[in-house]
Amino acid sequence: MRIESVRDYKAMSSVGASILFDAAMTKIARGLPFNMGLATGNTMVTLYEELAEKFNLANADLSLLRTWNLDEYAETENTSVPHDHPLSYWKYMHENLFRRFAPERGFREENAHFPNPADPKEIDTALEAAGGLDMQLLGIGFNGHIAFNEPMSEDEISVEDFGNLPTRVLPLAEATIEQNTRLTASGDRSLMPRFAATLGMRPILNAKQCLLLACFPEQESQLVKMIAGKRATPTLPASYLLLHPDSRLIYTADCIDLGEVL
């Protein structure tokens, strides 16, 4: 894993947007589709604004852009939240990225994919048929999760089996509910769904490139543990990125200090 510190959130957003843009354009400019794995949350808001601007200024042919979101909240184990739900990731992506694409760039709604709790295996099958992810954008939860792949004990699941988990529906951990209530639900716990459909560890780790961004002080302890541990463990799902052949961490030095482990 390559690790890089930047000054602050603005710098992280700009660097992240440039990495995604450059990777996408290496294929789109040659008339080839690009499979981009997308994340949500406050970490990505400015990045998506800058990414859309880059695509628009470059006159990119976004009919070749395929997006694959990491997750979607679910009302039940079989039903996504409606698109107009305040916390819907479908809503988040349309507001923060898709609506920013100039219409003449040709982005197609049918090329935006989200995990479906009614048929979680569907996205894995479609992604495999599309050739897998070219790049996966990731954040890290305050308990070390990526997507909604929550920590598990090695007594519950082996290191290998956790890394092979497919897309599925699962109940959210209490720590995640608390975190997202504060960060995305304005403190209103009643808005928080209790389930989510999440892209599995297997399709995430099969991405050709992974980009992990971190900008909250609460993420420092998990990143320190991950880097110091030097091994993949289900107790810290983000640690599996240490095994990835082309993974990169960018963190903000004004909020996170990793000096003791670098």
C-alpha atoms as a PDB file:
ATOM      1  CA  MET A   1       0.000   0.000   0.000  1.00  0.00           C
ATOM      2  CA  ARG A   2       1.229   3.448  -0.926  1.00  0.00           C
ATOM      3  CA  ILE A   3       0.556   6.017   1.799  1.00  0.00           C
ATOM      4  CA  GLU A   4       0.477   9.763   1.243  1.00  0.00           C
ATOM      5  CA  SER A   5      -0.413  12.674   3.499  1.00  0.00           C
ATOM      6  CA  VAL A   6      -1.905  15.899   2.198  1.00  0.00           C
ATOM      7  CA  ARG A   7      -2.546  19.184   3.923  1.00  0.00           C
ATOM      8  CA  ASP A   8      -6.298  19.143   4.459  1.00  0.00           C
ATOM      9  CA  TYR A   9      -9.720  18.072   3.162  1.00  0.00           C
ATOM     10  CA  LYS A  10      -9.552  20.353   0.126  1.00  0.00           C
ATOM     11  CA  ALA A  11      -6.188  18.954  -0.914  1.00  0.00           C
ATOM     12  CA  MET A  12      -7.382  15.375  -0.379  1.00  0.00           C
ATOM     13  CA  SER A  13     -10.458  16.026  -2.511  1.00  0.00           C
ATOM     14  CA  SER A  14      -8.385  17.506  -5.338  1.00  0.00           C
ATOM     15  CA  VAL A  15      -5.811  14.707  -5.315  1.00  0.00           C
ATOM     16  CA  GLY A  16      -8.512  12.048  -5.151  1.00  0.00           C
ATOM     17  CA  ALA A  17     -10.491  13.608  -8.001  1.00  0.00           C
ATOM     18  CA  SER A  18      -7.363  13.760 -10.158  1.00  0.00           C
ATOM     19  CA  ILE A  19      -6.520  10.107  -9.504  1.00  0.00           C
ATOM     20  CA  LEU A  20     -10.020   8.964 -10.456  1.00  0.00           C
ATOM     21  CA  PHE A  21     -10.167  11.239 -13.491  1.00  0.00           C
ATOM     22  CA  ASP A  22      -6.770  10.190 -14.827  1.00  0.00           C
ATOM     23  CA  ALA A  23      -7.543   6.500 -14.384  1.00  0.00           C
ATOM     24  CA  ALA A  24     -10.924   6.821 -16.104  1.00  0.00           C
ATOM     25  CA  MET A  25      -9.606   8.835 -19.020  1.00  0.00           C
ATOM     26  CA  THR A  26      -6.889   6.304 -19.812  1.00  0.00           C
ATOM     27  CA  LYS A  27      -9.700   4.022 -21.013  1.00  0.00           C
ATOM     28  CA  ILE A  28     -12.470   6.432 -21.986  1.00  0.00           C
ATOM     29  CA  ALA A  29     -10.151   8.383 -24.296  1.00  0.00           C
ATOM     30  CA  ARG A  30      -9.527   5.103 -26.175  1.00  0.00           C
ATOM     31  CA  GLY A  31     -13.238   4.386 -26.479  1.00  0.00           C
ATOM     32  CA  LEU A  32     -13.242   1.756 -23.726  1.00  0.00           C
ATOM     33  CA  PRO A  33     -15.664   1.538 -20.784  1.00  0.00           C
ATOM     34  CA  PHE A  34     -14.397   2.301 -17.282  1.00  0.00           C
ATOM     35  CA  ASN A  35     -15.827   0.585 -14.196  1.00  0.00           C
ATOM     36  CA  MET A  36     -15.596   3.009 -11.271  1.00  0.00           C
ATOM     37  CA  GLY A  37     -16.480   1.861  -7.750  1.00  0.00           C
ATOM     38  CA  LEU A  38     -18.023   4.693  -5.758  1.00  0.00           C
ATOM     39  CA  ALA A  39     -18.351   5.476  -2.063  1.00  0.00           C
ATOM     40  CA  THR A  40     -20.585   7.944  -0.233  1.00  0.00           C
ATOM     41  CA  GLY A  41     -20.402  10.097   2.886  1.00  0.00           C
ATOM     42  CA  ASN A  42     -19.011  13.494   3.788  1.00  0.00           C
ATOM     43  CA  THR A  43     -15.498  12.459   2.757  1.00  0.00           C
ATOM     44  CA  MET A  44     -16.439  12.351  -0.921  1.00  0.00           C
ATOM     45  CA  VAL A  45     -18.631  15.460  -1.397  1.00  0.00           C
ATOM     46  CA  THR A  46     -16.002  17.916  -2.660  1.00  0.00           C
ATOM     47  CA  LEU A  47     -14.151  15.195  -4.556  1.00  0.00           C
ATOM     48  CA  TYR A  48     -17.279  14.465  -6.600  1.00  0.00           C
ATOM     49  CA  GLU A  49     -17.798  18.136  -7.359  1.00  0.00           C
ATOM     50  CA  GLU A  50     -14.254  18.407  -8.686  1.00  0.00           C
ATOM     51  CA  LEU A  51     -14.446  15.110 -10.557  1.00  0.00           C
ATOM     52  CA  ALA A  52     -17.595  16.159 -12.420  1.00  0.00           C
ATOM     53  CA  GLU A  53     -15.948  19.455 -13.367  1.00  0.00           C
ATOM     54  CA  LYS A  54     -12.905  17.628 -14.745  1.00  0.00           C
ATOM     55  CA  PHE A  55     -15.049  15.325 -16.881  1.00  0.00           C
ATOM     56  CA  ASN A  56     -17.095  18.242 -18.191  1.00  0.00           C
ATOM     57  CA  LEU A  57     -14.048  20.358 -19.069  1.00  0.00           C
ATOM     58  CA  ALA A  58     -12.412  17.389 -20.820  1.00  0.00           C
ATOM     59  CA  ASN A  59     -15.522  16.727 -22.945  1.00  0.00           C
ATOM     60  CA  ALA A  60     -15.340  13.138 -21.702  1.00  0.00           C
ATOM     61  CA  ASP A  61     -17.632  10.566 -23.284  1.00  0.00           C
ATOM     62  CA  LEU A  62     -19.419   9.506 -20.098  1.00  0.00           C
ATOM     63  CA  SER A  63     -21.570   7.012 -21.953  1.00  0.00           C
ATOM     64  CA  LEU A  64     -18.514   4.820 -21.320  1.00  0.00           C
ATOM     65  CA  LEU A  65     -18.547   5.388 -17.545  1.00  0.00           C
ATOM     66  CA  ARG A  66     -20.040   2.558 -15.491  1.00  0.00           C
ATOM     67  CA  THR A  67     -20.471   3.285 -11.783  1.00  0.00           C
ATOM     68  CA  TRP A  68     -20.851   0.677  -9.055  1.00  0.00           C
ATOM     69  CA  ASN A  69     -21.800   1.886  -5.609  1.00  0.00           C
ATOM     70  CA  LEU A  70     -20.495   0.126  -2.549  1.00  0.00           C
ATOM     71  CA  ASP A  71     -23.785   0.015  -0.723  1.00  0.00           C
ATOM     72  CA  GLU A  72     -27.380   1.070  -0.251  1.00  0.00           C
ATOM     73  CA  TYR A  73     -29.440   1.278   2.897  1.00  0.00           C
ATOM     74  CA  ALA A  74     -32.282  -1.195   3.277  1.00  0.00           C
ATOM     75  CA  GLU A  75     -35.570  -0.855   5.124  1.00  0.00           C
ATOM     76  CA  THR A  76     -35.734  -4.623   5.558  1.00  0.00           C
ATOM     77  CA  GLU A  77     -33.473  -7.481   4.579  1.00  0.00           C
ATOM     78  CA  ASN A  78     -35.166  -7.501   1.173  1.00  0.00           C
ATOM     79  CA  THR A  79     -36.114  -3.879   0.430  1.00  0.00           C
ATOM     80  CA  SER A  80     -33.970  -0.803  -0.321  1.00  0.00           C
ATOM     81  CA  VAL A  81     -34.916   2.524   1.168  1.00  0.00           C
ATOM     82  CA  PRO A  82     -36.851   4.616  -1.381  1.00  0.00           C
ATOM     83  CA  HIS A  83     -34.869   6.968  -3.599  1.00  0.00           C
ATOM     84  CA  ASP A  84     -36.326   9.995  -1.795  1.00  0.00           C
ATOM     85  CA  HIS A  85     -35.242   8.759   1.645  1.00  0.00           C
ATOM     86  CA  PRO A  86     -32.968  11.429   3.204  1.00  0.00           C
ATOM     87  CA  LEU A  87     -30.125   8.915   3.558  1.00  0.00           C
ATOM     88  CA  SER A  88     -30.571   7.059   0.262  1.00  0.00           C
ATOM     89  CA  TYR A  89     -27.243   6.533  -1.477  1.00  0.00           C
ATOM     90  CA  TRP A  90     -29.060   6.634  -4.815  1.00  0.00           C
ATOM     91  CA  LYS A  91     -30.155  10.160  -3.831  1.00  0.00           C
ATOM     92  CA  TYR A  92     -26.678  11.063  -2.570  1.00  0.00           C
ATOM     93  CA  MET A  93     -24.991  10.021  -5.820  1.00  0.00           C
ATOM     94  CA  HIS A  94     -27.466  11.883  -8.009  1.00  0.00           C
ATOM     95  CA  GLU A  95     -27.173  15.064  -5.945  1.00  0.00           C
ATOM     96  CA  ASN A  96     -23.405  15.022  -5.492  1.00  0.00           C
ATOM     97  CA  LEU A  97     -22.140  13.577  -8.772  1.00  0.00           C
ATOM     98  CA  PHE A  98     -24.525  12.484 -11.510  1.00  0.00           C
ATOM     99  CA  ARG A  99     -26.532  15.726 -11.747  1.00  0.00           C
ATOM    100  CA  ARG A 100     -23.247  17.629 -12.080  1.00  0.00           C
ATOM    101  CA  PHE A 101     -22.390  15.899 -15.347  1.00  0.00           C
ATOM    102  CA  ALA A 102     -23.222  18.142 -18.315  1.00  0.00           C
ATOM    103  CA  PRO A 103     -26.066  16.486 -20.285  1.00  0.00           C
ATOM    104  CA  GLU A 104     -23.977  16.475 -23.438  1.00  0.00           C
ATOM    105  CA  ARG A 105     -21.425  14.230 -21.709  1.00  0.00           C
ATOM    106  CA  GLY A 106     -23.920  11.400 -22.198  1.00  0.00           C
ATOM    107  CA  PHE A 107     -23.887   9.677 -18.811  1.00  0.00           C
ATOM    108  CA  ARG A 108     -26.549   6.971 -18.793  1.00  0.00           C
ATOM    109  CA  GLU A 109     -28.738   6.225 -15.801  1.00  0.00           C
ATOM    110  CA  GLU A 110     -28.689   2.528 -16.606  1.00  0.00           C
ATOM    111  CA  ASN A 111     -24.911   2.535 -16.157  1.00  0.00           C
ATOM    112  CA  ALA A 112     -25.241   3.463 -12.458  1.00  0.00           C
ATOM    113  CA  HIS A 113     -25.414   0.295 -10.342  1.00  0.00           C
ATOM    114  CA  PHE A 114     -26.361  -0.134  -6.679  1.00  0.00           C
ATOM    115  CA  PRO A 115     -26.539  -3.321  -4.590  1.00  0.00           C
ATOM    116  CA  ASN A 116     -30.103  -4.627  -4.495  1.00  0.00           C
ATOM    117  CA  PRO A 117     -31.176  -6.246  -1.205  1.00  0.00           C
ATOM    118  CA  ALA A 118     -33.821  -8.247  -3.064  1.00  0.00           C
ATOM    119  CA  ASP A 119     -31.058  -9.903  -5.139  1.00  0.00           C
ATOM    120  CA  PRO A 120     -27.620  -9.127  -3.683  1.00  0.00           C
ATOM    121  CA  LYS A 121     -25.803 -11.538  -6.011  1.00  0.00           C
ATOM    122  CA  GLU A 122     -27.050  -9.619  -9.048  1.00  0.00           C
ATOM    123  CA  ILE A 123     -24.403  -6.894  -8.835  1.00  0.00           C
ATOM    124  CA  ASP A 124     -21.570  -9.414  -8.399  1.00  0.00           C
ATOM    125  CA  THR A 125     -22.693 -11.248 -11.523  1.00  0.00           C
ATOM    126  CA  ALA A 126     -23.041  -8.024 -13.524  1.00  0.00           C
ATOM    127  CA  LEU A 127     -19.688  -6.719 -12.326  1.00  0.00           C
ATOM    128  CA  GLU A 128     -17.907  -9.932 -13.217  1.00  0.00           C
ATOM    129  CA  ALA A 129     -19.485  -9.861 -16.691  1.00  0.00           C
ATOM    130  CA  ALA A 130     -18.283  -6.262 -17.085  1.00  0.00           C
ATOM    131  CA  GLY A 131     -14.691  -7.247 -16.322  1.00  0.00           C
ATOM    132  CA  GLY A 132     -14.532  -6.172 -12.676  1.00  0.00           C
ATOM    133  CA  LEU A 133     -13.785  -2.799 -11.156  1.00  0.00           C
ATOM    134  CA  ASP A 134     -11.038  -0.709 -12.707  1.00  0.00           C
ATOM    135  CA  MET A 135     -10.817   1.457  -9.589  1.00  0.00           C
ATOM    136  CA  GLN A 136     -12.592   1.364  -6.229  1.00  0.00           C
ATOM    137  CA  LEU A 137     -12.920   4.527  -4.136  1.00  0.00           C
ATOM    138  CA  LEU A 138     -13.188   3.834  -0.399  1.00  0.00           C
ATOM    139  CA  GLY A 139     -13.596   5.477   2.960  1.00  0.00           C
ATOM    140  CA  ILE A 140     -12.897   3.816   6.309  1.00  0.00           C
ATOM    141  CA  GLY A 141     -15.455   3.577   9.090  1.00  0.00           C
ATOM    142  CA  PHE A 142     -14.537   4.584  12.608  1.00  0.00           C
ATOM    143  CA  ASN A 143     -14.563   0.873  13.516  1.00  0.00           C
ATOM    144  CA  GLY A 144     -12.407  -0.014  10.503  1.00  0.00           C
ATOM    145  CA  HIS A 145     -15.136  -1.201   8.151  1.00  0.00           C
ATOM    146  CA  ILE A 146     -15.071  -0.667   4.380  1.00  0.00           C
ATOM    147  CA  ALA A 147     -18.423  -0.434   2.645  1.00  0.00           C
ATOM    148  CA  PHE A 148     -20.647  -2.059   5.291  1.00  0.00           C
ATOM    149  CA  ASN A 149     -18.365  -5.051   5.719  1.00  0.00           C
ATOM    150  CA  GLU A 150     -18.343  -4.826   9.509  1.00  0.00           C
ATOM    151  CA  PRO A 151     -15.566  -6.192  11.741  1.00  0.00           C
ATOM    152  CA  MET A 152     -15.786  -9.840  12.772  1.00  0.00           C
ATOM    153  CA  SER A 153     -13.738 -11.933  15.165  1.00  0.00           C
ATOM    154  CA  GLU A 154     -11.278 -14.457  13.754  1.00  0.00           C
ATOM    155  CA  ASP A 155     -13.129 -16.950  15.969  1.00  0.00           C
ATOM    156  CA  GLU A 156     -16.223 -16.309  13.818  1.00  0.00           C
ATOM    157  CA  ILE A 157     -14.632 -16.381  10.366  1.00  0.00           C
ATOM    158  CA  SER A 158     -11.220 -17.158   8.921  1.00  0.00           C
ATOM    159  CA  VAL A 159      -9.039 -14.500   7.333  1.00  0.00           C
ATOM    160  CA  GLU A 160      -9.460 -16.165   3.944  1.00  0.00           C
ATOM    161  CA  ASP A 161     -13.242 -16.550   4.172  1.00  0.00           C
ATOM    162  CA  PHE A 162     -13.754 -12.934   5.204  1.00  0.00           C
ATOM    163  CA  GLY A 163     -11.757 -11.759   2.193  1.00  0.00           C
ATOM    164  CA  ASN A 164     -14.009 -13.873  -0.043  1.00  0.00           C
ATOM    165  CA  LEU A 165     -17.320 -12.509   1.244  1.00  0.00           C
ATOM    166  CA  PRO A 166     -19.750 -11.701  -1.612  1.00  0.00           C
ATOM    167  CA  THR A 167     -22.247  -8.863  -1.829  1.00  0.00           C
ATOM    168  CA  ARG A 168     -24.970  -9.406   0.743  1.00  0.00           C
ATOM    169  CA  VAL A 169     -27.492  -7.776   3.099  1.00  0.00           C
ATOM    170  CA  LEU A 170     -26.565  -7.441   6.739  1.00  0.00           C
ATOM    171  CA  PRO A 171     -27.640  -5.623   9.903  1.00  0.00           C
ATOM    172  CA  LEU A 172     -25.590  -2.536  10.683  1.00  0.00           C
ATOM    173  CA  ALA A 173     -23.280  -2.558  13.687  1.00  0.00           C
ATOM    174  CA  GLU A 174     -24.307  -0.314  16.554  1.00  0.00           C
ATOM    175  CA  ALA A 175     -21.080   1.695  16.172  1.00  0.00           C
ATOM    176  CA  THR A 176     -21.929   2.356  12.517  1.00  0.00           C
ATOM    177  CA  ILE A 177     -25.480   3.408  13.367  1.00  0.00           C
ATOM    178  CA  GLU A 178     -24.137   5.856  15.953  1.00  0.00           C
ATOM    179  CA  GLN A 179     -21.474   7.212  13.584  1.00  0.00           C
ATOM    180  CA  ASN A 180     -23.822   7.753  10.656  1.00  0.00           C
ATOM    181  CA  THR A 181     -26.567   9.204  12.845  1.00  0.00           C
ATOM    182  CA  ARG A 182     -24.133  11.921  13.836  1.00  0.00           C
ATOM    183  CA  LEU A 183     -22.443  12.467  10.466  1.00  0.00           C
ATOM    184  CA  THR A 184     -25.256  12.083   7.932  1.00  0.00           C
ATOM    185  CA  ALA A 185     -28.577  12.060   9.798  1.00  0.00           C
ATOM    186  CA  SER A 186     -28.109  15.341  11.728  1.00  0.00           C
ATOM    187  CA  GLY A 187     -28.333  13.402  14.972  1.00  0.00           C
ATOM    188  CA  ASP A 188     -31.793  11.997  14.167  1.00  0.00           C
ATOM    189  CA  ARG A 189     -31.449   8.308  14.980  1.00  0.00           C
ATOM    190  CA  SER A 190     -34.985   7.614  13.721  1.00  0.00           C
ATOM    191  CA  LEU A 191     -33.773   8.273  10.153  1.00  0.00           C
ATOM    192  CA  MET A 192     -31.142   5.554  10.297  1.00  0.00           C
ATOM    193  CA  PRO A 193     -32.009   2.278   8.573  1.00  0.00           C
ATOM    194  CA  ARG A 194     -30.921  -0.877  10.380  1.00  0.00           C
ATOM    195  CA  PHE A 195     -29.838  -2.866   7.304  1.00  0.00           C
ATOM    196  CA  ALA A 196     -27.712  -2.312   4.219  1.00  0.00           C
ATOM    197  CA  ALA A 197     -26.858  -4.119   1.019  1.00  0.00           C
ATOM    198  CA  THR A 198     -23.096  -3.973   0.734  1.00  0.00           C
ATOM    199  CA  LEU A 199     -20.583  -4.880  -1.932  1.00  0.00           C
ATOM    200  CA  GLY A 200     -18.606  -7.820  -0.616  1.00  0.00           C
ATOM    201  CA  MET A 201     -14.932  -7.943   0.211  1.00  0.00           C
ATOM    202  CA  ARG A 202     -14.290 -10.179  -2.822  1.00  0.00           C
ATOM    203  CA  PRO A 203     -15.440  -7.720  -5.537  1.00  0.00           C
ATOM    204  CA  ILE A 204     -13.773  -4.824  -3.701  1.00  0.00           C
ATOM    205  CA  LEU A 205     -10.431  -6.587  -3.428  1.00  0.00           C
ATOM    206  CA  ASN A 206     -10.674  -7.760  -7.046  1.00  0.00           C
ATOM    207  CA  ALA A 207     -10.605  -4.131  -8.217  1.00  0.00           C
ATOM    208  CA  LYS A 208      -7.515  -3.354 -10.270  1.00  0.00           C
ATOM    209  CA  GLN A 209      -6.832  -0.285  -8.091  1.00  0.00           C
ATOM    210  CA  CYS A 210      -8.135   0.784  -4.675  1.00  0.00           C
ATOM    211  CA  LEU A 211      -8.058   4.345  -3.341  1.00  0.00           C
ATOM    212  CA  LEU A 212      -8.723   4.842   0.381  1.00  0.00           C
ATOM    213  CA  LEU A 213      -9.356   8.368   1.692  1.00  0.00           C
ATOM    214  CA  ALA A 214      -9.363   9.443   5.354  1.00  0.00           C
ATOM    215  CA  CYS A 215      -9.989  12.882   6.837  1.00  0.00           C
ATOM    216  CA  PHE A 216     -11.568  12.441  10.299  1.00  0.00           C
ATOM    217  CA  PRO A 217      -9.635  12.332  13.598  1.00  0.00           C
ATOM    218  CA  GLU A 218     -11.726   9.309  14.620  1.00  0.00           C
ATOM    219  CA  GLN A 219     -10.166   7.318  11.760  1.00  0.00           C
ATOM    220  CA  GLU A 220      -6.633   7.715  13.093  1.00  0.00           C
ATOM    221  CA  SER A 221      -6.716   4.839  15.594  1.00  0.00           C
ATOM    222  CA  GLN A 222      -7.922   2.324  13.008  1.00  0.00           C
ATOM    223  CA  LEU A 223      -5.346   3.447  10.454  1.00  0.00           C
ATOM    224  CA  VAL A 224      -2.575   3.203  13.056  1.00  0.00           C
ATOM    225  CA  LYS A 225      -3.750  -0.278  14.007  1.00  0.00           C
ATOM    226  CA  MET A 226      -3.951  -1.303  10.348  1.00  0.00           C
ATOM    227  CA  ILE A 227      -0.478  -0.090   9.414  1.00  0.00           C
ATOM    228  CA  ALA A 228       1.174  -1.334  12.615  1.00  0.00           C
ATOM    229  CA  GLY A 229      -0.509  -4.734  12.363  1.00  0.00           C
ATOM    230  CA  LYS A 230       0.892  -5.429   8.887  1.00  0.00           C
ATOM    231  CA  ARG A 231      -1.650  -8.188   8.245  1.00  0.00           C
ATOM    232  CA  ALA A 232      -5.198  -8.677   7.080  1.00  0.00           C
ATOM    233  CA  THR A 233      -7.715  -9.458   9.804  1.00  0.00           C
ATOM    234  CA  PRO A 234     -11.538  -9.566   9.875  1.00  0.00           C
ATOM    235  CA  THR A 235     -11.404  -7.482  13.044  1.00  0.00           C
ATOM    236  CA  LEU A 236     -10.289  -4.561  10.862  1.00  0.00           C
ATOM    237  CA  PRO A 237     -11.723  -4.976   7.339  1.00  0.00           C
ATOM    238  CA  ALA A 238      -9.705  -2.113   5.847  1.00  0.00           C
ATOM    239  CA  SER A 239      -6.545  -4.077   6.663  1.00  0.00           C
ATOM    240  CA  TYR A 240      -7.246  -6.295   3.639  1.00  0.00           C
ATOM    241  CA  LEU A 241      -6.100  -3.411   1.469  1.00  0.00           C
ATOM    242  CA  LEU A 242      -2.575  -4.136   2.703  1.00  0.00           C
ATOM    243  CA  LEU A 243      -2.693  -7.288   0.554  1.00  0.00           C
ATOM    244  CA  HIS A 244      -3.918  -5.507  -2.564  1.00  0.00           C
ATOM    245  CA  PRO A 245      -1.321  -5.197  -5.343  1.00  0.00           C
ATOM    246  CA  ASP A 246      -2.279  -1.588  -6.165  1.00  0.00           C
ATOM    247  CA  SER A 247      -3.815   0.178  -3.168  1.00  0.00           C
ATOM    248  CA  ARG A 248      -3.252   3.731  -2.024  1.00  0.00           C
ATOM    249  CA  LEU A 249      -4.127   5.629   1.163  1.00  0.00           C
ATOM    250  CA  ILE A 250      -4.405   9.408   1.184  1.00  0.00           C
ATOM    251  CA  TYR A 251      -5.028  11.068   4.544  1.00  0.00           C
ATOM    252  CA  THR A 252      -5.242  14.639   5.806  1.00  0.00           C
ATOM    253  CA  ALA A 253      -2.325  15.660   8.027  1.00  0.00           C
ATOM    254  CA  ASP A 254      -4.333  18.368   9.777  1.00  0.00           C
ATOM    255  CA  CYS A 255      -6.654  15.746  11.326  1.00  0.00           C
ATOM    256  CA  ILE A 256      -4.706  12.478  11.300  1.00  0.00           C
ATOM    257  CA  ASP A 257      -1.180  11.747  12.539  1.00  0.00           C
ATOM    258  CA  LEU A 258       0.358   8.483  11.383  1.00  0.00           C
ATOM    259  CA  GLY A 259       3.932   9.438  12.208  1.00  0.00           C
ATOM    260  CA  GLU A 260       4.334   6.745  14.837  1.00  0.00           C
ATOM    261  CA  VAL A 261       3.780   3.912  12.339  1.00  0.00           C
ATOM    262  CA  LEU A 262       5.295   5.340   9.140  1.00  0.00           C
END
